[in-house]
Amino acid sequence: MIKPGDIAVLRSGGQPMTVVAVEGEEARCMWMSEEGELYRESIPLLALERLEEEDEDEDDDDDDEDDDDTGN
Protein backbone atom coordinates (compact mmCIF):
# COMPACT_ATOMS: atom_id res chain seq x y z
CA MET A 1 0.00 0.00 0.00
CA ILE A 2 1.36 3.40 -0.97
CA LYS A 3 1.38 6.02 1.78
CA PRO A 4 2.71 9.57 2.26
CA GLY A 5 6.50 9.62 2.44
CA ASP A 6 6.94 6.64 0.10
CA ILE A 7 9.02 6.86 -3.04
CA ALA A 8 7.07 5.64 -6.06
CA VAL A 9 7.45 5.34 -9.80
CA LEU A 10 5.00 4.90 -12.63
CA ARG A 11 4.53 1.24 -13.49
CA SER A 12 5.59 2.20 -17.01
CA GLY A 13 8.83 3.78 -15.73
CA GLY A 14 10.06 7.30 -15.18
CA GLN A 15 11.42 9.51 -12.42
CA PRO A 16 11.15 8.49 -8.76
CA MET A 17 8.47 10.58 -7.04
CA THR A 18 7.73 11.37 -3.40
CA VAL A 19 4.16 10.64 -2.33
CA VAL A 20 2.93 13.63 -0.31
CA ALA A 21 -0.70 12.57 0.18
CA VAL A 22 -3.12 9.80 -0.68
CA GLU A 23 -6.70 10.86 -1.36
CA GLY A 24 -9.15 8.15 -2.32
CA GLU A 25 -7.75 6.31 -5.34
CA GLU A 26 -5.09 8.94 -6.16
CA ALA A 27 -1.70 9.89 -4.79
CA ARG A 28 -0.38 13.43 -4.87
CA CYS A 29 3.26 13.20 -5.92
CA MET A 30 6.21 15.58 -6.23
CA TRP A 31 9.44 15.11 -8.17
CA MET A 32 12.30 17.05 -9.71
CA SER A 33 13.00 16.92 -13.41
CA GLU A 34 16.53 16.42 -14.68
CA GLU A 35 16.52 20.18 -15.40
CA GLY A 36 15.74 20.92 -11.73
CA GLU A 37 12.08 21.88 -12.15
CA LEU A 38 9.67 20.82 -9.39
CA TYR A 39 6.51 19.01 -10.48
CA ARG A 40 3.35 18.17 -8.53
CA GLU A 41 0.66 15.90 -9.89
CA SER A 42 -2.19 13.66 -8.74
CA ILE A 43 -1.71 10.17 -10.14
CA PRO A 44 -4.05 7.15 -9.93
CA LEU A 45 -2.74 4.59 -7.43
CA LEU A 46 -3.16 1.86 -10.06
CA ALA A 47 -0.47 3.56 -12.16
CA LEU A 48 2.12 3.61 -9.33
CA GLU A 49 4.39 1.12 -7.65
CA ARG A 50 6.31 1.76 -4.45
CA LEU A 51 10.08 1.49 -4.55
CA GLU A 52 11.30 -0.88 -1.88
CA GLU A 53 13.65 0.66 0.68
CA GLU A 54 15.42 -2.70 0.91
CA ASP A 55 16.94 -2.04 -2.53
CA GLU A 56 18.88 0.93 -1.12
CA ASP A 57 19.86 -0.98 2.04
CA GLU A 58 21.15 -3.91 -0.04
CA ASP A 59 23.42 -1.55 -1.98
CA ASP A 60 24.84 -0.23 1.30
CA ASP A 61 25.36 -3.79 2.57
CA ASP A 62 27.21 -4.69 -0.62
CA ASP A 63 29.63 -1.84 0.00
CA ASP A 64 30.24 -3.09 3.54
CA GLU A 65 30.93 -6.59 2.25
CA ASP A 66 33.49 -5.24 -0.20
CA ASP A 67 35.33 -3.57 2.69
CA ASP A 68 35.44 -6.88 4.57
CA ASP A 69 36.89 -8.68 1.53
CA THR A 70 39.83 -6.28 1.32
CA GLY A 71 40.76 -6.79 4.98
CA ASN A 72 39.66 -3.29 6.09
PDB file of N, CA and C in Angstrom:
ATOM      1  N   MET A   1       0.840  -1.183   0.000  1.00  0.00           N
ATOM      2  CA  MET A   1       0.000   0.000   0.000  1.00  0.00           C
ATOM      3  C   MET A   1       0.883   1.244   0.000  1.00  0.00           C
ATOM      4  N   ILE A   2       0.596   2.157  -0.871  1.00  0.00           N
ATOM      5  CA  ILE A   2       1.356   3.403  -0.973  1.00  0.00           C
ATOM      6  C   ILE A   2       0.822   4.390   0.049  1.00  0.00           C
ATOM      7  N   LYS A   3       1.763   5.056   0.752  1.00  0.00           N
ATOM      8  CA  LYS A   3       1.382   6.024   1.777  1.00  0.00           C
ATOM      9  C   LYS A   3       2.275   7.254   1.676  1.00  0.00           C
ATOM     10  N   PRO A   4       1.873   8.372   2.293  1.00  0.00           N
ATOM     11  CA  PRO A   4       2.713   9.573   2.260  1.00  0.00           C
ATOM     12  C   PRO A   4       4.117   9.275   2.780  1.00  0.00           C
ATOM     13  N   GLY A   5       5.100   9.838   2.083  1.00  0.00           N
ATOM     14  CA  GLY A   5       6.497   9.621   2.436  1.00  0.00           C
ATOM     15  C   GLY A   5       7.166   8.540   1.612  1.00  0.00           C
ATOM     16  N   ASP A   6       6.375   7.697   0.949  1.00  0.00           N
ATOM     17  CA  ASP A   6       6.940   6.643   0.101  1.00  0.00           C
ATOM     18  C   ASP A   6       7.541   7.254  -1.160  1.00  0.00           C
ATOM     19  N   ILE A   7       8.487   6.538  -1.727  1.00  0.00           N
ATOM     20  CA  ILE A   7       9.023   6.863  -3.043  1.00  0.00           C
ATOM     21  C   ILE A   7       8.354   5.907  -4.022  1.00  0.00           C
ATOM     22  N   ALA A   8       7.798   6.452  -5.086  1.00  0.00           N
ATOM     23  CA  ALA A   8       7.065   5.642  -6.056  1.00  0.00           C
ATOM     24  C   ALA A   8       7.484   6.010  -7.464  1.00  0.00           C
ATOM     25  N   VAL A   9       7.223   5.090  -8.377  1.00  0.00           N
ATOM     26  CA  VAL A   9       7.447   5.344  -9.803  1.00  0.00           C
ATOM     27  C   VAL A   9       6.215   4.881 -10.567  1.00  0.00           C
ATOM     28  N   LEU A  10       6.057   5.406 -11.761  1.00  0.00           N
ATOM     29  CA  LEU A  10       5.004   4.901 -12.632  1.00  0.00           C
ATOM     30  C   LEU A  10       5.318   3.461 -12.997  1.00  0.00           C
ATOM     31  N   ARG A  11       4.321   2.632 -13.096  1.00  0.00           N
ATOM     32  CA  ARG A  11       4.530   1.235 -13.488  1.00  0.00           C
ATOM     33  C   ARG A  11       5.184   1.150 -14.868  1.00  0.00           C
ATOM     34  N   SER A  12       4.996   2.169 -15.677  1.00  0.00           N
ATOM     35  CA  SER A  12       5.587   2.196 -17.013  1.00  0.00           C
ATOM     36  C   SER A  12       6.994   2.796 -17.016  1.00  0.00           C
ATOM     37  N   GLY A  13       7.484   3.217 -15.844  1.00  0.00           N
ATOM     38  CA  GLY A  13       8.830   3.778 -15.731  1.00  0.00           C
ATOM     39  C   GLY A  13       8.805   5.274 -15.506  1.00  0.00           C
ATOM     40  N   GLY A  14       9.969   5.856 -15.367  1.00  0.00           N
ATOM     41  CA  GLY A  14      10.057   7.296 -15.179  1.00  0.00           C
ATOM     42  C   GLY A  14      10.816   7.668 -13.924  1.00  0.00           C
ATOM     43  N   GLN A  15      10.714   8.942 -13.563  1.00  0.00           N
ATOM     44  CA  GLN A  15      11.416   9.509 -12.416  1.00  0.00           C
ATOM     45  C   GLN A  15      10.836   8.992 -11.102  1.00  0.00           C
ATOM     46  N   PRO A  16      11.683   8.763 -10.095  1.00  0.00           N
ATOM     47  CA  PRO A  16      11.147   8.491  -8.757  1.00  0.00           C
ATOM     48  C   PRO A  16      10.410   9.721  -8.243  1.00  0.00           C
ATOM     49  N   MET A  17       9.292   9.497  -7.552  1.00  0.00           N
ATOM     50  CA  MET A  17       8.466  10.583  -7.037  1.00  0.00           C
ATOM     51  C   MET A  17       8.220  10.361  -5.549  1.00  0.00           C
ATOM     52  N   THR A  18       8.091  11.453  -4.801  1.00  0.00           N
ATOM     53  CA  THR A  18       7.734  11.375  -3.396  1.00  0.00           C
ATOM     54  C   THR A  18       6.223  11.510  -3.270  1.00  0.00           C
ATOM     55  N   VAL A  19       5.597  10.572  -2.577  1.00  0.00           N
ATOM     56  CA  VAL A  19       4.161  10.638  -2.332  1.00  0.00           C
ATOM     57  C   VAL A  19       3.944  11.584  -1.158  1.00  0.00           C
ATOM     58  N   VAL A  20       3.179  12.652  -1.372  1.00  0.00           N
ATOM     59  CA  VAL A  20       2.935  13.628  -0.306  1.00  0.00           C
ATOM     60  C   VAL A  20       1.550  13.467   0.321  1.00  0.00           C
ATOM     61  N   ALA A  21       0.630  12.808  -0.373  1.00  0.00           N
ATOM     62  CA  ALA A  21      -0.702  12.570   0.178  1.00  0.00           C
ATOM     63  C   ALA A  21      -1.389  11.490  -0.647  1.00  0.00           C
ATOM     64  N   VAL A  22      -2.269  10.764   0.012  1.00  0.00           N
ATOM     65  CA  VAL A  22      -3.119   9.799  -0.677  1.00  0.00           C
ATOM     66  C   VAL A  22      -4.553  10.202  -0.393  1.00  0.00           C
ATOM     67  N   GLU A  23      -5.312  10.422  -1.468  1.00  0.00           N
ATOM     68  CA  GLU A  23      -6.703  10.860  -1.359  1.00  0.00           C
ATOM     69  C   GLU A  23      -7.559   9.952  -2.219  1.00  0.00           C
ATOM     70  N   GLY A  24      -8.310   9.088  -1.577  1.00  0.00           N
ATOM     71  CA  GLY A  24      -9.148   8.149  -2.324  1.00  0.00           C
ATOM     72  C   GLY A  24      -8.287   7.205  -3.133  1.00  0.00           C
ATOM     73  N   GLU A  25      -8.486   7.200  -4.434  1.00  0.00           N
ATOM     74  CA  GLU A  25      -7.753   6.308  -5.336  1.00  0.00           C
ATOM     75  C   GLU A  25      -6.601   7.009  -6.051  1.00  0.00           C
ATOM     76  N   GLU A  26      -6.183   8.181  -5.542  1.00  0.00           N
ATOM     77  CA  GLU A  26      -5.090   8.935  -6.165  1.00  0.00           C
ATOM     78  C   GLU A  26      -4.025   9.300  -5.142  1.00  0.00           C
ATOM     79  N   ALA A  27      -2.812   9.432  -5.622  1.00  0.00           N
ATOM     80  CA  ALA A  27      -1.699   9.888  -4.794  1.00  0.00           C
ATOM     81  C   ALA A  27      -1.212  11.218  -5.346  1.00  0.00           C
ATOM     82  N   ARG A  28      -1.003  12.176  -4.455  1.00  0.00           N
ATOM     83  CA  ARG A  28      -0.377  13.434  -4.867  1.00  0.00           C
ATOM     84  C   ARG A  28       1.121  13.225  -4.752  1.00  0.00           C
ATOM     85  N   CYS A  29       1.827  13.465  -5.847  1.00  0.00           N
ATOM     86  CA  CYS A  29       3.255  13.196  -5.918  1.00  0.00           C
ATOM     87  C   CYS A  29       4.032  14.450  -6.300  1.00  0.00           C
ATOM     88  N   MET A  30       5.296  14.493  -5.861  1.00  0.00           N
ATOM     89  CA  MET A  30       6.214  15.576  -6.229  1.00  0.00           C
ATOM     90  C   MET A  30       7.507  14.934  -6.717  1.00  0.00           C
ATOM     91  N   TRP A  31       8.141  15.574  -7.696  1.00  0.00           N
ATOM     92  CA  TRP A  31       9.441  15.112  -8.171  1.00  0.00           C
ATOM     93  C   TRP A  31      10.153  16.249  -8.871  1.00  0.00           C
ATOM     94  N   MET A  32      11.459  16.081  -9.018  1.00  0.00           N
ATOM     95  CA  MET A  32      12.300  17.055  -9.708  1.00  0.00           C
ATOM     96  C   MET A  32      12.671  16.495 -11.075  1.00  0.00           C
ATOM     97  N   SER A  33      12.566  17.330 -12.081  1.00  0.00           N
ATOM     98  CA  SER A  33      13.001  16.921 -13.415  1.00  0.00           C
ATOM     99  C   SER A  33      14.524  16.947 -13.464  1.00  0.00           C
ATOM    100  N   GLU A  34      15.077  16.392 -14.510  1.00  0.00           N
ATOM    101  CA  GLU A  34      16.532  16.421 -14.683  1.00  0.00           C
ATOM    102  C   GLU A  34      17.040  17.855 -14.827  1.00  0.00           C
ATOM    103  N   GLU A  35      16.154  18.773 -15.247  1.00  0.00           N
ATOM    104  CA  GLU A  35      16.516  20.184 -15.399  1.00  0.00           C
ATOM    105  C   GLU A  35      16.376  20.948 -14.088  1.00  0.00           C
ATOM    106  N   GLY A  36      15.884  20.281 -13.024  1.00  0.00           N
ATOM    107  CA  GLY A  36      15.739  20.919 -11.726  1.00  0.00           C
ATOM    108  C   GLY A  36      14.392  21.566 -11.473  1.00  0.00           C
ATOM    109  N   GLU A  37      13.420  21.317 -12.338  1.00  0.00           N
ATOM    110  CA  GLU A  37      12.084  21.876 -12.151  1.00  0.00           C
ATOM    111  C   GLU A  37      11.268  20.962 -11.235  1.00  0.00           C
ATOM    112  N   LEU A  38      10.505  21.568 -10.320  1.00  0.00           N
ATOM    113  CA  LEU A  38       9.669  20.821  -9.389  1.00  0.00           C
ATOM    114  C   LEU A  38       8.289  20.600 -10.000  1.00  0.00           C
ATOM    115  N   TYR A  39       7.829  19.366  -9.957  1.00  0.00           N
ATOM    116  CA  TYR A  39       6.513  19.014 -10.480  1.00  0.00           C
ATOM    117  C   TYR A  39       5.653  18.445  -9.370  1.00  0.00           C
ATOM    118  N   ARG A  40       4.355  18.713  -9.442  1.00  0.00           N
ATOM    119  CA  ARG A  40       3.351  18.165  -8.527  1.00  0.00           C
ATOM    120  C   ARG A  40       2.189  17.677  -9.375  1.00  0.00           C
ATOM    121  N   GLU A  41       1.743  16.471  -9.086  1.00  0.00           N
ATOM    122  CA  GLU A  41       0.664  15.897  -9.892  1.00  0.00           C
ATOM    123  C   GLU A  41      -0.083  14.852  -9.080  1.00  0.00           C
ATOM    124  N   SER A  42      -1.398  14.751  -9.294  1.00  0.00           N
ATOM    125  CA  SER A  42      -2.187  13.656  -8.738  1.00  0.00           C
ATOM    126  C   SER A  42      -2.180  12.522  -9.743  1.00  0.00           C
ATOM    127  N   ILE A  43      -1.862  11.327  -9.262  1.00  0.00           N
ATOM    128  CA  ILE A  43      -1.705  10.168 -10.142  1.00  0.00           C
ATOM    129  C   ILE A  43      -2.538   9.019  -9.577  1.00  0.00           C
ATOM    130  N   PRO A  44      -3.286   8.305 -10.414  1.00  0.00           N
ATOM    131  CA  PRO A  44      -4.051   7.155  -9.926  1.00  0.00           C
ATOM    132  C   PRO A  44      -3.120   6.115  -9.276  1.00  0.00           C
ATOM    133  N   LEU A  45      -3.543   5.586  -8.131  1.00  0.00           N
ATOM    134  CA  LEU A  45      -2.735   4.587  -7.428  1.00  0.00           C
ATOM    135  C   LEU A  45      -2.436   3.371  -8.294  1.00  0.00           C
ATOM    136  N   LEU A  46      -3.372   3.013  -9.179  1.00  0.00           N
ATOM    137  CA  LEU A  46      -3.161   1.859 -10.060  1.00  0.00           C
ATOM    138  C   LEU A  46      -1.969   2.044 -10.993  1.00  0.00           C
ATOM    139  N   ALA A  47      -1.570   3.286 -11.242  1.00  0.00           N
ATOM    140  CA  ALA A  47      -0.465   3.560 -12.156  1.00  0.00           C
ATOM    141  C   ALA A  47       0.883   3.600 -11.448  1.00  0.00           C
ATOM    142  N   LEU A  48       0.883   3.471 -10.110  1.00  0.00           N
ATOM    143  CA  LEU A  48       2.118   3.609  -9.331  1.00  0.00           C
ATOM    144  C   LEU A  48       2.560   2.301  -8.697  1.00  0.00           C
ATOM    145  N   GLU A  49       3.867   2.191  -8.493  1.00  0.00           N
ATOM    146  CA  GLU A  49       4.392   1.124  -7.653  1.00  0.00           C
ATOM    147  C   GLU A  49       5.430   1.723  -6.715  1.00  0.00           C
ATOM    148  N   ARG A  50       5.417   1.238  -5.483  1.00  0.00           N
ATOM    149  CA  ARG A  50       6.310   1.756  -4.453  1.00  0.00           C
ATOM    150  C   ARG A  50       7.691   1.154  -4.648  1.00  0.00           C
ATOM    151  N   LEU A  51       8.708   1.994  -4.524  1.00  0.00           N
ATOM    152  CA  LEU A  51      10.076   1.489  -4.550  1.00  0.00           C
ATOM    153  C   LEU A  51      10.388   0.924  -3.173  1.00  0.00           C
ATOM    154  N   GLU A  52      10.970  -0.233  -3.141  1.00  0.00           N
ATOM    155  CA  GLU A  52      11.305  -0.884  -1.880  1.00  0.00           C
ATOM    156  C   GLU A  52      12.550  -0.248  -1.293  1.00  0.00           C
ATOM    157  N   GLU A  53      12.496   0.096  -0.007  1.00  0.00           N
ATOM    158  CA  GLU A  53      13.649   0.663   0.676  1.00  0.00           C
ATOM    159  C   GLU A  53      14.766  -0.356   0.798  1.00  0.00           C
ATOM    160  N   GLU A  54      14.431  -1.650   0.792  1.00  0.00           N
ATOM    161  CA  GLU A  54      15.423  -2.703   0.907  1.00  0.00           C
ATOM    162  C   GLU A  54      16.446  -2.613  -0.214  1.00  0.00           C
ATOM    163  N   ASP A  55      16.025  -2.156  -1.408  1.00  0.00           N
ATOM    164  CA  ASP A  55      16.941  -2.043  -2.532  1.00  0.00           C
ATOM    165  C   ASP A  55      18.108  -1.122  -2.177  1.00  0.00           C
ATOM    166  N   GLU A  56      17.828   0.002  -1.520  1.00  0.00           N
ATOM    167  CA  GLU A  56      18.875   0.928  -1.122  1.00  0.00           C
ATOM    168  C   GLU A  56      19.734   0.329  -0.029  1.00  0.00           C
ATOM    169  N   ASP A  57      19.116  -0.363   0.952  1.00  0.00           N
ATOM    170  CA  ASP A  57      19.860  -0.985   2.036  1.00  0.00           C
ATOM    171  C   ASP A  57      20.785  -2.071   1.517  1.00  0.00           C
ATOM    172  N   GLU A  58      20.320  -2.849   0.529  1.00  0.00           N
ATOM    173  CA  GLU A  58      21.146  -3.907  -0.042  1.00  0.00           C
ATOM    174  C   GLU A  58      22.385  -3.326  -0.689  1.00  0.00           C
ATOM    175  N   ASP A  59      22.268  -2.187  -1.370  1.00  0.00           N
ATOM    176  CA  ASP A  59      23.424  -1.553  -1.980  1.00  0.00           C
ATOM    177  C   ASP A  59      24.433  -1.151  -0.915  1.00  0.00           C
ATOM    178  N   ASP A  60      23.954  -0.610   0.202  1.00  0.00           N
ATOM    179  CA  ASP A  60      24.836  -0.231   1.298  1.00  0.00           C
ATOM    180  C   ASP A  60      25.519  -1.457   1.881  1.00  0.00           C
ATOM    181  N   ASP A  61      24.785  -2.569   2.035  1.00  0.00           N
ATOM    182  CA  ASP A  61      25.356  -3.794   2.571  1.00  0.00           C
ATOM    183  C   ASP A  61      26.432  -4.337   1.639  1.00  0.00           C
ATOM    184  N   ASP A  62      26.215  -4.228   0.331  1.00  0.00           N
ATOM    185  CA  ASP A  62      27.206  -4.694  -0.624  1.00  0.00           C
ATOM    186  C   ASP A  62      28.514  -3.936  -0.454  1.00  0.00           C
ATOM    187  N   ASP A  63      28.433  -2.636  -0.210  1.00  0.00           N
ATOM    188  CA  ASP A  63      29.631  -1.837  -0.002  1.00  0.00           C
ATOM    189  C   ASP A  63      30.367  -2.296   1.245  1.00  0.00           C
ATOM    190  N   ASP A  64      29.629  -2.611   2.308  1.00  0.00           N
ATOM    191  CA  ASP A  64      30.238  -3.088   3.539  1.00  0.00           C
ATOM    192  C   ASP A  64      30.946  -4.414   3.317  1.00  0.00           C
ATOM    193  N   GLU A  65      30.325  -5.304   2.531  1.00  0.00           N
ATOM    194  CA  GLU A  65      30.925  -6.594   2.255  1.00  0.00           C
ATOM    195  C   GLU A  65      32.226  -6.429   1.484  1.00  0.00           C
ATOM    196  N   ASP A  66      32.271  -5.468   0.561  1.00  0.00           N
ATOM    197  CA  ASP A  66      33.488  -5.237  -0.196  1.00  0.00           C
ATOM    198  C   ASP A  66      34.623  -4.820   0.733  1.00  0.00           C
ATOM    199  N   ASP A  67      34.319  -3.997   1.742  1.00  0.00           N
ATOM    200  CA  ASP A  67      35.328  -3.574   2.691  1.00  0.00           C
ATOM    201  C   ASP A  67      35.886  -4.762   3.459  1.00  0.00           C
ATOM    202  N   ASP A  68      34.999  -5.722   3.829  1.00  0.00           N
ATOM    203  CA  ASP A  68      35.437  -6.881   4.569  1.00  0.00           C
ATOM    204  C   ASP A  68      36.358  -7.759   3.720  1.00  0.00           C
ATOM    205  N   ASP A  69      36.092  -7.839   2.414  1.00  0.00           N
ATOM    206  CA  ASP A  69      36.890  -8.680   1.531  1.00  0.00           C
ATOM    207  C   ASP A  69      38.307  -8.154   1.368  1.00  0.00           C
ATOM    208  N   THR A  70      38.498  -6.853   1.514  1.00  0.00           N
ATOM    209  CA  THR A  70      39.834  -6.281   1.320  1.00  0.00           C
ATOM    210  C   THR A  70      40.646  -6.276   2.609  1.00  0.00           C
ATOM    211  N   GLY A  71      40.045  -6.739   3.716  1.00  0.00           N
ATOM    212  CA  GLY A  71      40.764  -6.792   4.977  1.00  0.00           C
ATOM    213  C   GLY A  71      40.666  -5.509   5.769  1.00  0.00           C
ATOM    214  N   ASN A  72      39.830  -4.546   5.342  1.00  0.00           N
ATOM    215  CA  ASN A  72      39.656  -3.290   6.092  1.00  0.00           C
ATOM    216  C   ASN A  72      38.681  -3.449   7.210  1.00  0.00           C
TER     217      ASN A  72
END
